[in-house]
Amino acid sequence: MANLYTIENLLIGKRYRSNSLTGEIIDVEKDNRGLWYGENTEAYLVRVRDEFANYKYRTIAVKVGE
């Protein structure tokens, strides 16, 4: 039997980096607010812990198809 992964599981523990925040993604949930980043993408709300143990939220886009 094959292992089954979700996008949420694959994002947790990954490093997040933007112009205003660098840290580790510690929580993920699908963002259903109707955000649209283009075809074959889904929006996710991620909670990021920075190097000072502060928590911030960001919305990211994940490509889910060709």
N, C-alpha and C. Protein backbone atom coordinates (compact mmCIF):
# COMPACT_ATOMS: atom_id res chain seq x y z
N MET A 1 0.84 -1.17 0.00
CA MET A 1 0.00 0.00 0.00
C MET A 1 0.89 1.24 0.00
N ALA A 2 0.52 2.22 -0.80
CA ALA A 2 1.30 3.44 -0.93
C ALA A 2 1.00 4.40 0.22
N ASN A 3 1.99 5.23 0.56
CA ASN A 3 1.76 6.29 1.54
C ASN A 3 0.91 7.38 0.91
N LEU A 4 -0.01 7.92 1.66
CA LEU A 4 -0.87 8.98 1.17
C LEU A 4 -0.53 10.27 1.91
N TYR A 5 -0.18 11.30 1.16
CA TYR A 5 0.20 12.59 1.73
C TYR A 5 -0.82 13.65 1.33
N THR A 6 -1.02 14.62 2.19
CA THR A 6 -1.84 15.78 1.85
C THR A 6 -0.91 16.99 1.70
N ILE A 7 -1.41 18.01 1.05
CA ILE A 7 -0.62 19.23 0.91
C ILE A 7 -0.30 19.79 2.28
N GLU A 8 -1.29 19.76 3.18
CA GLU A 8 -1.06 20.27 4.54
C GLU A 8 0.10 19.54 5.21
N ASN A 9 0.11 18.22 5.14
CA ASN A 9 1.19 17.44 5.76
C ASN A 9 2.54 17.75 5.14
N LEU A 10 2.57 17.96 3.85
CA LEU A 10 3.85 18.24 3.19
C LEU A 10 4.39 19.63 3.49
N LEU A 11 3.52 20.58 3.79
CA LEU A 11 3.97 21.94 4.09
C LEU A 11 4.48 22.11 5.52
N ILE A 12 3.92 21.36 6.46
CA ILE A 12 4.34 21.50 7.86
C ILE A 12 5.81 21.12 8.01
N GLY A 13 6.56 21.99 8.67
CA GLY A 13 8.00 21.77 8.87
C GLY A 13 8.87 22.40 7.80
N LYS A 14 8.26 22.89 6.73
CA LYS A 14 9.03 23.53 5.66
C LYS A 14 9.42 24.94 6.08
N ARG A 15 10.49 25.42 5.51
CA ARG A 15 10.99 26.76 5.76
C ARG A 15 10.18 27.75 4.92
N TYR A 16 9.74 28.84 5.53
CA TYR A 16 9.02 29.90 4.83
C TYR A 16 9.91 31.13 4.81
N ARG A 17 9.94 31.80 3.66
CA ARG A 17 10.76 33.00 3.55
C ARG A 17 10.08 33.99 2.62
N SER A 18 9.94 35.22 3.10
CA SER A 18 9.44 36.32 2.28
C SER A 18 10.25 37.56 2.64
N ASN A 19 9.90 38.69 2.06
CA ASN A 19 10.63 39.92 2.38
C ASN A 19 10.45 40.34 3.84
N SER A 20 9.33 39.95 4.44
CA SER A 20 9.04 40.41 5.80
C SER A 20 9.08 39.33 6.87
N LEU A 21 9.27 38.07 6.48
CA LEU A 21 9.20 37.00 7.46
C LEU A 21 10.01 35.79 7.02
N THR A 22 10.75 35.23 7.96
CA THR A 22 11.46 33.98 7.74
C THR A 22 11.20 33.09 8.94
N GLY A 23 10.85 31.84 8.69
CA GLY A 23 10.59 30.93 9.80
C GLY A 23 10.15 29.57 9.30
N GLU A 24 9.56 28.80 10.20
CA GLU A 24 9.12 27.44 9.90
C GLU A 24 7.60 27.38 9.90
N ILE A 25 7.03 26.72 8.90
CA ILE A 25 5.58 26.53 8.84
C ILE A 25 5.21 25.47 9.87
N ILE A 26 4.32 25.85 10.80
CA ILE A 26 3.96 24.90 11.85
C ILE A 26 2.49 24.48 11.80
N ASP A 27 1.68 25.19 11.02
CA ASP A 27 0.28 24.83 10.91
C ASP A 27 -0.23 25.27 9.55
N VAL A 28 -1.13 24.48 8.95
CA VAL A 28 -1.64 24.75 7.60
C VAL A 28 -3.12 24.42 7.55
N GLU A 29 -3.88 25.28 6.87
CA GLU A 29 -5.26 24.94 6.58
C GLU A 29 -5.64 25.54 5.23
N LYS A 30 -6.50 24.84 4.51
CA LYS A 30 -6.93 25.32 3.21
C LYS A 30 -7.71 26.61 3.41
N ASP A 31 -7.42 27.60 2.59
CA ASP A 31 -8.05 28.91 2.69
C ASP A 31 -9.21 28.98 1.71
N ASN A 32 -10.41 29.02 2.22
CA ASN A 32 -11.61 29.00 1.39
C ASN A 32 -12.24 30.38 1.24
N ARG A 33 -11.45 31.43 1.36
CA ARG A 33 -12.00 32.78 1.27
C ARG A 33 -12.21 33.25 -0.17
N GLY A 34 -12.02 32.38 -1.13
CA GLY A 34 -12.23 32.76 -2.53
C GLY A 34 -11.04 33.45 -3.17
N LEU A 35 -9.86 33.29 -2.58
CA LEU A 35 -8.65 33.87 -3.17
C LEU A 35 -8.29 33.09 -4.43
N TRP A 36 -7.82 33.78 -5.42
CA TRP A 36 -7.48 33.13 -6.67
C TRP A 36 -6.10 33.58 -7.13
N TYR A 37 -5.20 32.64 -7.32
CA TYR A 37 -3.83 32.94 -7.74
C TYR A 37 -3.54 32.49 -9.15
N GLY A 38 -4.50 31.95 -9.83
CA GLY A 38 -4.30 31.46 -11.19
C GLY A 38 -4.85 30.06 -11.33
N GLU A 39 -4.80 29.58 -12.53
CA GLU A 39 -5.30 28.23 -12.79
C GLU A 39 -4.45 27.19 -12.08
N ASN A 40 -5.09 26.11 -11.67
CA ASN A 40 -4.42 24.97 -11.04
C ASN A 40 -3.68 25.34 -9.77
N THR A 41 -4.23 26.27 -9.00
CA THR A 41 -3.63 26.63 -7.72
C THR A 41 -4.69 26.57 -6.62
N GLU A 42 -4.25 26.37 -5.40
CA GLU A 42 -5.09 26.42 -4.23
C GLU A 42 -4.43 27.33 -3.21
N ALA A 43 -5.23 28.04 -2.43
CA ALA A 43 -4.71 28.94 -1.40
C ALA A 43 -4.70 28.22 -0.05
N TYR A 44 -3.64 28.45 0.72
CA TYR A 44 -3.51 27.88 2.06
C TYR A 44 -3.09 28.97 3.03
N LEU A 45 -3.69 28.93 4.22
CA LEU A 45 -3.30 29.82 5.30
C LEU A 45 -2.29 29.07 6.16
N VAL A 46 -1.10 29.64 6.31
CA VAL A 46 -0.06 28.97 7.07
C VAL A 46 0.31 29.82 8.29
N ARG A 47 0.61 29.14 9.39
CA ARG A 47 1.13 29.81 10.59
C ARG A 47 2.62 29.56 10.62
N VAL A 48 3.38 30.63 10.75
CA VAL A 48 4.84 30.57 10.69
C VAL A 48 5.41 31.01 12.03
N ARG A 49 6.35 30.23 12.54
CA ARG A 49 7.07 30.59 13.77
C ARG A 49 8.42 31.16 13.35
N ASP A 50 8.69 32.41 13.72
CA ASP A 50 9.97 33.02 13.35
C ASP A 50 11.06 32.66 14.36
N GLU A 51 12.25 33.20 14.17
CA GLU A 51 13.40 32.84 15.01
C GLU A 51 13.27 33.34 16.45
N PHE A 52 12.31 34.24 16.70
CA PHE A 52 12.08 34.76 18.05
C PHE A 52 10.87 34.08 18.71
N ALA A 53 10.37 33.01 18.12
CA ALA A 53 9.20 32.25 18.59
C ALA A 53 7.92 33.06 18.53
N ASN A 54 7.87 34.03 17.62
CA ASN A 54 6.64 34.77 17.35
C ASN A 54 5.89 34.04 16.24
N TYR A 55 4.58 34.14 16.25
CA TYR A 55 3.74 33.46 15.27
C TYR A 55 3.06 34.48 14.37
N LYS A 56 3.14 34.24 13.08
CA LYS A 56 2.49 35.12 12.10
C LYS A 56 1.80 34.24 11.07
N TYR A 57 0.78 34.79 10.45
CA TYR A 57 0.03 34.07 9.43
C TYR A 57 0.31 34.65 8.05
N ARG A 58 0.36 33.78 7.08
CA ARG A 58 0.52 34.18 5.69
C ARG A 58 -0.37 33.29 4.82
N THR A 59 -0.79 33.82 3.69
CA THR A 59 -1.52 33.02 2.71
C THR A 59 -0.56 32.71 1.58
N ILE A 60 -0.52 31.44 1.20
CA ILE A 60 0.37 31.02 0.11
C ILE A 60 -0.45 30.32 -0.96
N ALA A 61 0.08 30.28 -2.16
CA ALA A 61 -0.54 29.56 -3.27
C ALA A 61 0.26 28.30 -3.54
N VAL A 62 -0.44 27.20 -3.81
CA VAL A 62 0.20 25.94 -4.10
C VAL A 62 -0.30 25.46 -5.46
N LYS A 63 0.61 25.14 -6.34
CA LYS A 63 0.24 24.61 -7.65
C LYS A 63 -0.19 23.16 -7.49
N VAL A 64 -1.38 22.83 -8.02
CA VAL A 64 -1.92 21.49 -7.84
C VAL A 64 -2.13 20.76 -9.16
N GLY A 65 -1.74 21.33 -10.26
CA GLY A 65 -1.90 20.67 -11.56
C GLY A 65 -1.13 21.40 -12.62
N GLU A 66 -1.19 20.86 -13.80
CA GLU A 66 -0.45 21.47 -14.93
C GLU A 66 -1.24 22.51 -15.62
